[in-house]
């Protein structure tokens, strides 16, 4: 009988990927990026070990929301005080801080545990094309289908 392979955190080699979000649907982008962050694209994936990679998302300001989500979708957060539910429309969020909209979508697709928070810390969402991570030699992740602008 063969032995089972169990990856250890100190033996995992993490890669860097760069994702161009221009013209991509927000939810589909978030689903793909969360797979990379969790490590599900690797053959050694196990759910209880952090074996994910680093992801740089550029051009977050050019991400697309389909339908009428840009007008109707809202982001909710609660301050902790009674009656203090704060809402932000995605039209305002995409105009002011589009990288936060991408981060919220990706964070919602990661596990709500300490492992998920550690995986989320390897995400870098940026507004333009410029980034400061060229020394890491990120590989381009291009398994996406672009959406035609109407």
N, C-alpha and C. Protein backbone atom coordinates (compact mmCIF):
# COMPACT_ATOMS: atom_id res chain seq x y z
N UNK A 1 0.84 -1.19 0.00
CA UNK A 1 0.00 0.00 0.00
C UNK A 1 0.88 1.25 0.00
N UNK A 2 0.46 2.23 -0.79
CA UNK A 2 1.20 3.49 -0.88
C UNK A 2 0.85 4.40 0.27
N UNK A 3 1.73 5.34 0.50
CA UNK A 3 1.49 6.30 1.56
C UNK A 3 0.84 7.55 0.99
N UNK A 4 0.06 8.21 1.80
CA UNK A 4 -0.59 9.45 1.38
C UNK A 4 0.40 10.61 1.50
N UNK A 5 0.30 11.51 0.55
CA UNK A 5 1.15 12.70 0.58
C UNK A 5 0.40 13.82 1.29
N UNK A 6 1.05 14.44 2.26
CA UNK A 6 0.45 15.54 2.98
C UNK A 6 1.39 16.75 2.88
N UNK A 7 0.98 17.80 2.17
CA UNK A 7 1.87 18.96 2.02
C UNK A 7 2.05 19.71 3.34
N UNK A 8 3.25 20.22 3.53
CA UNK A 8 3.55 21.04 4.70
C UNK A 8 3.78 22.48 4.23
N UNK A 9 3.45 23.41 5.08
CA UNK A 9 3.52 24.83 4.71
C UNK A 9 4.94 25.24 4.34
N UNK A 10 5.93 24.70 5.04
CA UNK A 10 7.31 25.11 4.76
C UNK A 10 7.84 24.54 3.44
N UNK A 11 7.17 23.53 2.87
CA UNK A 11 7.61 22.94 1.60
C UNK A 11 6.90 23.51 0.39
N UNK A 12 5.94 24.40 0.59
CA UNK A 12 5.14 24.93 -0.52
C UNK A 12 5.88 26.09 -1.18
N UNK A 13 5.99 26.01 -2.50
CA UNK A 13 6.60 27.09 -3.28
C UNK A 13 5.47 27.93 -3.87
N UNK A 14 5.39 29.17 -3.44
CA UNK A 14 4.31 30.04 -3.88
C UNK A 14 4.71 30.81 -5.14
N UNK A 15 3.80 30.83 -6.10
CA UNK A 15 4.01 31.58 -7.34
C UNK A 15 3.27 32.91 -7.26
N UNK A 16 3.62 33.82 -8.15
CA UNK A 16 2.95 35.11 -8.26
C UNK A 16 2.23 35.14 -9.59
N UNK A 17 0.97 35.55 -9.58
CA UNK A 17 0.18 35.68 -10.80
C UNK A 17 -0.34 37.10 -10.90
N UNK A 18 -0.44 37.59 -12.13
CA UNK A 18 -1.00 38.91 -12.38
C UNK A 18 -2.25 38.73 -13.25
N UNK A 19 -3.33 39.37 -12.84
CA UNK A 19 -4.61 39.25 -13.54
C UNK A 19 -5.03 40.63 -14.01
N UNK A 20 -5.31 40.76 -15.31
CA UNK A 20 -5.80 42.02 -15.86
C UNK A 20 -7.33 41.98 -15.84
N UNK A 21 -7.94 42.84 -15.03
CA UNK A 21 -9.38 42.80 -14.82
C UNK A 21 -10.17 43.62 -15.83
N UNK A 22 -9.52 44.23 -16.79
CA UNK A 22 -10.24 45.10 -17.72
C UNK A 22 -11.18 44.28 -18.60
N UNK A 23 -12.46 44.63 -18.55
CA UNK A 23 -13.48 43.97 -19.35
C UNK A 23 -13.99 42.66 -18.78
N UNK A 24 -13.59 42.30 -17.56
CA UNK A 24 -14.05 41.05 -16.95
C UNK A 24 -15.23 41.30 -16.04
N UNK A 25 -16.11 40.31 -15.94
CA UNK A 25 -17.24 40.40 -15.02
C UNK A 25 -16.72 40.20 -13.60
N UNK A 26 -17.22 41.00 -12.67
CA UNK A 26 -16.70 41.01 -11.30
C UNK A 26 -16.80 39.65 -10.63
N UNK A 27 -17.93 38.99 -10.72
CA UNK A 27 -18.12 37.71 -10.04
C UNK A 27 -17.26 36.60 -10.62
N UNK A 28 -17.12 36.57 -11.94
CA UNK A 28 -16.29 35.54 -12.58
C UNK A 28 -14.81 35.77 -12.27
N UNK A 29 -14.41 37.03 -12.23
CA UNK A 29 -13.05 37.37 -11.84
C UNK A 29 -12.78 36.91 -10.42
N UNK A 30 -13.72 37.20 -9.51
CA UNK A 30 -13.55 36.84 -8.11
C UNK A 30 -13.48 35.33 -7.92
N UNK A 31 -14.26 34.59 -8.68
CA UNK A 31 -14.25 33.13 -8.57
C UNK A 31 -12.90 32.56 -8.98
N UNK A 32 -12.33 33.05 -10.08
CA UNK A 32 -11.04 32.55 -10.55
C UNK A 32 -9.92 32.93 -9.58
N UNK A 33 -9.93 34.18 -9.12
CA UNK A 33 -8.87 34.64 -8.23
C UNK A 33 -8.93 33.91 -6.89
N UNK A 34 -10.13 33.63 -6.40
CA UNK A 34 -10.24 32.90 -5.13
C UNK A 34 -9.70 31.47 -5.26
N UNK A 35 -9.84 30.87 -6.43
CA UNK A 35 -9.27 29.54 -6.65
C UNK A 35 -7.74 29.59 -6.57
N UNK A 36 -7.15 30.62 -7.14
CA UNK A 36 -5.69 30.76 -7.09
C UNK A 36 -5.23 31.01 -5.66
N UNK A 37 -5.94 31.89 -4.94
CA UNK A 37 -5.55 32.21 -3.57
C UNK A 37 -5.67 31.01 -2.64
N UNK A 38 -6.65 30.17 -2.87
CA UNK A 38 -6.82 28.97 -2.03
C UNK A 38 -5.84 27.87 -2.38
N UNK A 39 -5.33 27.88 -3.62
CA UNK A 39 -4.40 26.84 -4.04
C UNK A 39 -5.08 25.69 -4.75
N UNK A 40 -6.32 25.89 -5.17
CA UNK A 40 -7.05 24.81 -5.83
C UNK A 40 -6.56 24.51 -7.24
N UNK A 41 -5.70 25.35 -7.78
CA UNK A 41 -5.16 25.09 -9.11
C UNK A 41 -3.94 24.18 -9.03
N UNK A 42 -3.47 23.89 -7.83
CA UNK A 42 -2.28 23.06 -7.66
C UNK A 42 -2.67 21.61 -7.41
N UNK A 43 -1.85 20.67 -7.85
CA UNK A 43 -2.19 19.26 -7.63
C UNK A 43 -2.04 18.81 -6.19
N UNK A 44 -1.38 19.61 -5.34
CA UNK A 44 -1.18 19.19 -3.95
C UNK A 44 -2.22 19.82 -3.01
N UNK A 45 -3.33 20.30 -3.54
CA UNK A 45 -4.32 21.01 -2.72
C UNK A 45 -4.95 20.10 -1.68
N UNK A 46 -4.96 20.57 -0.45
CA UNK A 46 -5.77 19.98 0.62
C UNK A 46 -6.44 21.15 1.34
N UNK A 47 -7.68 20.99 1.77
CA UNK A 47 -8.42 22.15 2.28
C UNK A 47 -7.88 22.73 3.59
N UNK A 48 -7.16 21.95 4.38
CA UNK A 48 -6.74 22.45 5.69
C UNK A 48 -5.32 23.01 5.71
N UNK A 49 -4.64 23.04 4.55
CA UNK A 49 -3.29 23.60 4.46
C UNK A 49 -3.32 24.79 3.52
N UNK A 50 -2.65 25.86 3.92
CA UNK A 50 -2.59 27.07 3.10
C UNK A 50 -1.55 26.88 2.00
N UNK A 51 -2.00 26.49 0.81
CA UNK A 51 -1.06 26.22 -0.29
C UNK A 51 -1.35 27.11 -1.49
N UNK A 52 -1.92 28.28 -1.27
CA UNK A 52 -2.27 29.18 -2.36
C UNK A 52 -1.12 30.05 -2.80
N UNK A 53 -1.37 30.80 -3.86
CA UNK A 53 -0.36 31.66 -4.47
C UNK A 53 -0.73 33.13 -4.27
N UNK A 54 0.20 34.00 -4.66
CA UNK A 54 -0.03 35.44 -4.61
C UNK A 54 -0.71 35.89 -5.90
N UNK A 55 -1.61 36.87 -5.79
CA UNK A 55 -2.33 37.37 -6.97
C UNK A 55 -2.31 38.90 -6.95
N UNK A 56 -1.95 39.48 -8.10
CA UNK A 56 -2.01 40.92 -8.30
C UNK A 56 -3.11 41.16 -9.33
N UNK A 57 -4.12 41.91 -8.96
CA UNK A 57 -5.22 42.25 -9.88
C UNK A 57 -5.03 43.71 -10.28
N UNK A 58 -4.81 43.92 -11.59
CA UNK A 58 -4.63 45.29 -12.07
C UNK A 58 -5.87 45.71 -12.86
N UNK A 59 -6.01 47.00 -13.09
CA UNK A 59 -7.14 47.60 -13.80
C UNK A 59 -8.48 47.27 -13.14
N UNK A 60 -8.55 47.40 -11.84
CA UNK A 60 -9.81 47.14 -11.13
C UNK A 60 -10.89 48.15 -11.51
N UNK A 61 -10.49 49.31 -11.98
CA UNK A 61 -11.47 50.32 -12.35
C UNK A 61 -12.18 50.00 -13.66
N UNK A 62 -11.72 48.99 -14.40
CA UNK A 62 -12.34 48.63 -15.67
C UNK A 62 -13.13 47.33 -15.58
N UNK A 63 -13.41 46.86 -14.37
CA UNK A 63 -14.19 45.64 -14.20
C UNK A 63 -15.66 45.94 -14.51
N UNK A 64 -16.40 44.93 -14.96
CA UNK A 64 -17.77 45.12 -15.44
C UNK A 64 -18.76 44.46 -14.48
N UNK A 65 -19.84 45.15 -14.20
CA UNK A 65 -20.98 44.56 -13.51
C UNK A 65 -22.10 44.40 -14.53
N UNK A 66 -22.64 43.21 -14.68
CA UNK A 66 -23.64 42.96 -15.71
C UNK A 66 -25.02 43.39 -15.25
N UNK A 67 -25.90 43.55 -16.21
CA UNK A 67 -27.28 43.94 -15.90
C UNK A 67 -27.35 45.33 -15.31
N UNK A 68 -28.24 45.49 -14.33
CA UNK A 68 -28.39 46.79 -13.67
C UNK A 68 -27.79 46.78 -12.28
N UNK A 69 -26.81 45.90 -12.07
CA UNK A 69 -26.19 45.80 -10.75
C UNK A 69 -25.46 47.07 -10.35
N UNK A 70 -24.93 47.79 -11.31
CA UNK A 70 -24.19 49.01 -10.99
C UNK A 70 -25.10 50.04 -10.32
N UNK A 71 -26.41 50.01 -10.64
CA UNK A 71 -27.35 50.95 -10.01
C UNK A 71 -28.03 50.34 -8.78
N UNK A 72 -28.31 49.04 -8.80
CA UNK A 72 -29.13 48.44 -7.76
C UNK A 72 -28.35 47.76 -6.63
N UNK A 73 -27.18 47.22 -6.92
CA UNK A 73 -26.43 46.46 -5.92
C UNK A 73 -25.86 47.41 -4.87
N UNK A 74 -25.92 46.96 -3.61
CA UNK A 74 -25.41 47.77 -2.51
C UNK A 74 -24.49 46.95 -1.63
N UNK A 75 -23.56 47.62 -1.01
CA UNK A 75 -22.64 47.01 -0.05
C UNK A 75 -23.08 47.43 1.34
N UNK A 76 -23.28 46.46 2.22
CA UNK A 76 -23.74 46.73 3.58
C UNK A 76 -22.60 46.50 4.57
N UNK A 77 -22.56 47.34 5.59
CA UNK A 77 -21.67 47.10 6.72
C UNK A 77 -22.32 47.68 7.96
N UNK A 78 -22.02 47.09 9.09
CA UNK A 78 -22.63 47.51 10.34
C UNK A 78 -21.54 48.00 11.28
N UNK A 79 -21.78 49.13 11.94
CA UNK A 79 -20.79 49.72 12.81
C UNK A 79 -20.71 49.02 14.16
N UNK A 80 -21.75 48.29 14.52
CA UNK A 80 -21.79 47.65 15.83
C UNK A 80 -22.77 48.34 16.77
N UNK A 81 -23.21 49.53 16.40
CA UNK A 81 -24.19 50.25 17.20
C UNK A 81 -25.59 49.98 16.64
N UNK A 82 -26.59 50.06 17.50
CA UNK A 82 -27.96 49.76 17.10
C UNK A 82 -28.43 50.78 16.06
N UNK A 83 -28.92 50.27 14.95
CA UNK A 83 -29.44 51.13 13.89
C UNK A 83 -28.40 51.73 12.98
N UNK A 84 -27.16 51.34 13.11
CA UNK A 84 -26.10 51.95 12.32
C UNK A 84 -25.67 51.05 11.17
N UNK A 85 -26.61 50.66 10.33
CA UNK A 85 -26.32 49.89 9.13
C UNK A 85 -25.98 50.87 8.01
N UNK A 86 -24.78 50.77 7.48
CA UNK A 86 -24.32 51.68 6.44
C UNK A 86 -24.43 50.98 5.08
N UNK A 87 -24.94 51.69 4.09
CA UNK A 87 -25.06 51.13 2.74
C UNK A 87 -24.27 52.02 1.77
N UNK A 88 -23.68 51.37 0.79
CA UNK A 88 -22.95 52.07 -0.27
C UNK A 88 -23.36 51.46 -1.59
N UNK A 89 -23.81 52.29 -2.52
CA UNK A 89 -24.17 51.80 -3.85
C UNK A 89 -22.91 51.45 -4.62
N UNK A 90 -23.01 50.44 -5.47
CA UNK A 90 -21.85 50.03 -6.25
C UNK A 90 -21.46 51.07 -7.29
N UNK A 91 -22.38 51.93 -7.68
CA UNK A 91 -22.00 53.01 -8.60
C UNK A 91 -21.01 53.95 -7.92
N UNK A 92 -21.26 54.27 -6.64
CA UNK A 92 -20.33 55.11 -5.89
C UNK A 92 -19.02 54.38 -5.61
N UNK A 93 -19.14 53.09 -5.27
CA UNK A 93 -17.96 52.30 -4.95
C UNK A 93 -17.05 52.15 -6.17
N UNK A 94 -17.64 51.93 -7.34
CA UNK A 94 -16.84 51.77 -8.56
C UNK A 94 -16.23 53.09 -9.01
N UNK A 95 -16.87 54.20 -8.71
CA UNK A 95 -16.30 55.50 -9.07
C UNK A 95 -15.18 55.91 -8.12
N UNK A 96 -15.36 55.65 -6.82
CA UNK A 96 -14.40 56.13 -5.82
C UNK A 96 -13.29 55.13 -5.52
N UNK A 97 -13.66 53.88 -5.22
CA UNK A 97 -12.66 52.88 -4.83
C UNK A 97 -12.97 51.53 -5.49
N UNK A 98 -12.70 51.39 -6.78
CA UNK A 98 -13.04 50.13 -7.46
C UNK A 98 -12.24 48.93 -6.96
N UNK A 99 -11.05 49.18 -6.43
CA UNK A 99 -10.26 48.06 -5.90
C UNK A 99 -10.92 47.44 -4.67
N UNK A 100 -11.67 48.24 -3.92
CA UNK A 100 -12.41 47.69 -2.77
C UNK A 100 -13.55 46.78 -3.23
N UNK A 101 -14.21 47.13 -4.32
CA UNK A 101 -15.28 46.29 -4.85
C UNK A 101 -14.75 44.92 -5.25
N UNK A 102 -13.57 44.90 -5.87
CA UNK A 102 -12.95 43.64 -6.25
C UNK A 102 -12.54 42.85 -5.01
N UNK A 103 -11.98 43.54 -4.02
CA UNK A 103 -11.58 42.86 -2.78
C UNK A 103 -12.77 42.27 -2.05
N UNK A 104 -13.89 43.01 -1.98
CA UNK A 104 -15.08 42.50 -1.31
C UNK A 104 -15.60 41.24 -1.99
N UNK A 105 -15.60 41.24 -3.32
CA UNK A 105 -16.11 40.08 -4.06
C UNK A 105 -15.22 38.86 -3.84
N UNK A 106 -13.92 39.06 -3.84
CA UNK A 106 -12.99 37.94 -3.66
C UNK A 106 -13.04 37.44 -2.22
N UNK A 107 -13.11 38.35 -1.27
CA UNK A 107 -13.15 37.95 0.14
C UNK A 107 -14.40 37.15 0.46
N UNK A 108 -15.49 37.45 -0.22
CA UNK A 108 -16.72 36.70 -0.01
C UNK A 108 -16.65 35.28 -0.52
N UNK A 109 -15.70 34.97 -1.39
CA UNK A 109 -15.56 33.63 -1.93
C UNK A 109 -14.48 32.81 -1.24
N UNK A 110 -13.83 33.39 -0.25
CA UNK A 110 -12.84 32.66 0.54
C UNK A 110 -13.48 32.18 1.83
N UNK A 111 -12.93 31.14 2.46
CA UNK A 111 -13.51 30.67 3.72
C UNK A 111 -13.43 31.72 4.82
N UNK A 112 -14.43 31.77 5.67
CA UNK A 112 -14.49 32.75 6.75
C UNK A 112 -13.79 32.20 7.99
N UNK A 113 -12.52 31.83 7.83
CA UNK A 113 -11.73 31.26 8.92
C UNK A 113 -10.39 31.97 8.97
N UNK A 114 -9.53 31.58 9.90
CA UNK A 114 -8.18 32.15 9.96
C UNK A 114 -7.40 31.80 8.70
N UNK A 115 -7.65 30.64 8.14
CA UNK A 115 -6.99 30.24 6.90
C UNK A 115 -7.41 31.14 5.74
N UNK A 116 -8.70 31.47 5.66
CA UNK A 116 -9.20 32.36 4.62
C UNK A 116 -8.64 33.76 4.75
N UNK A 117 -8.48 34.24 5.98
CA UNK A 117 -7.90 35.57 6.18
C UNK A 117 -6.43 35.60 5.77
N UNK A 118 -5.72 34.52 6.02
CA UNK A 118 -4.32 34.42 5.60
C UNK A 118 -4.23 34.38 4.08
N UNK A 119 -5.14 33.67 3.43
CA UNK A 119 -5.15 33.60 1.98
C UNK A 119 -5.49 34.96 1.37
N UNK A 120 -6.41 35.68 2.00
CA UNK A 120 -6.80 37.00 1.50
C UNK A 120 -5.66 38.00 1.59
N UNK A 121 -4.74 37.80 2.52
CA UNK A 121 -3.62 38.74 2.67
C UNK A 121 -2.64 38.67 1.51
N UNK A 122 -2.74 37.65 0.66
CA UNK A 122 -1.87 37.53 -0.50
C UNK A 122 -2.49 38.13 -1.76
N UNK A 123 -3.57 38.88 -1.62
CA UNK A 123 -4.22 39.55 -2.74
C UNK A 123 -3.80 41.01 -2.77
N UNK A 124 -3.47 41.50 -3.98
CA UNK A 124 -3.11 42.90 -4.16
C UNK A 124 -3.96 43.43 -5.31
N UNK A 125 -4.98 44.23 -5.00
CA UNK A 125 -5.87 44.80 -6.02
C UNK A 125 -5.45 46.25 -6.25
N UNK A 126 -5.23 46.59 -7.53
CA UNK A 126 -4.73 47.91 -7.88
C UNK A 126 -5.61 48.54 -8.95
N UNK A 127 -5.69 49.85 -8.93
CA UNK A 127 -6.58 50.57 -9.83
C UNK A 127 -6.05 50.63 -11.26
N UNK A 128 -4.81 50.96 -11.45
CA UNK A 128 -4.25 51.10 -12.80
C UNK A 128 -3.43 49.89 -13.20
N UNK A 129 -2.56 50.13 -14.21
CA UNK A 129 -1.70 49.04 -14.69
C UNK A 129 -0.36 48.99 -13.97
N UNK A 130 0.00 50.07 -13.30
CA UNK A 130 1.29 50.13 -12.62
C UNK A 130 1.23 49.34 -11.31
N UNK A 131 2.28 48.55 -11.08
CA UNK A 131 2.40 47.85 -9.80
C UNK A 131 3.86 47.78 -9.42
N UNK A 132 4.13 47.52 -8.15
CA UNK A 132 5.51 47.51 -7.65
C UNK A 132 6.02 46.11 -7.38
N UNK A 133 5.42 45.11 -8.01
CA UNK A 133 5.77 43.72 -7.74
C UNK A 133 6.49 43.07 -8.91
N UNK A 134 7.20 43.86 -9.70
CA UNK A 134 7.92 43.31 -10.86
C UNK A 134 9.08 42.42 -10.44
N UNK A 135 9.64 42.64 -9.26
CA UNK A 135 10.77 41.84 -8.79
C UNK A 135 10.37 40.39 -8.53
N UNK A 136 9.08 40.15 -8.28
CA UNK A 136 8.60 38.79 -8.03
C UNK A 136 8.37 38.01 -9.32
N UNK A 137 8.49 38.67 -10.47
CA UNK A 137 8.29 38.06 -11.79
C UNK A 137 6.94 37.33 -11.88
N UNK A 138 5.82 38.08 -11.78
CA UNK A 138 4.52 37.42 -11.82
C UNK A 138 4.19 36.88 -13.21
N UNK A 139 3.53 35.71 -13.22
CA UNK A 139 3.07 35.12 -14.47
C UNK A 139 1.68 35.66 -14.78
N UNK A 140 1.38 35.82 -16.06
CA UNK A 140 0.08 36.35 -16.47
C UNK A 140 -0.94 35.22 -16.42
N UNK A 141 -2.05 35.44 -15.72
CA UNK A 141 -3.16 34.50 -15.64
C UNK A 141 -4.22 34.96 -16.62
N UNK A 142 -4.49 34.16 -17.66
CA UNK A 142 -5.37 34.64 -18.72
C UNK A 142 -6.47 33.65 -19.07
N UNK A 143 -7.00 32.94 -18.11
CA UNK A 143 -8.07 31.98 -18.39
C UNK A 143 -9.43 32.64 -18.20
N UNK A 144 -9.65 33.75 -18.88
CA UNK A 144 -10.89 34.50 -18.72
C UNK A 144 -11.53 34.73 -20.08
N UNK A 145 -12.80 35.01 -20.04
CA UNK A 145 -13.55 35.38 -21.23
C UNK A 145 -13.93 36.84 -21.06
N UNK A 146 -13.52 37.67 -22.00
CA UNK A 146 -13.82 39.11 -21.93
C UNK A 146 -15.29 39.35 -22.29
N UNK A 147 -15.86 40.41 -21.73
CA UNK A 147 -17.24 40.78 -21.99
C UNK A 147 -17.24 41.97 -22.94
N UNK A 148 -18.10 41.90 -23.94
CA UNK A 148 -18.21 43.02 -24.88
C UNK A 148 -18.97 44.16 -24.21
N UNK A 149 -18.43 45.35 -24.33
CA UNK A 149 -19.09 46.53 -23.77
C UNK A 149 -20.25 46.92 -24.67
N UNK A 150 -21.40 47.20 -24.09
CA UNK A 150 -22.58 47.58 -24.86
C UNK A 150 -22.75 49.08 -24.83
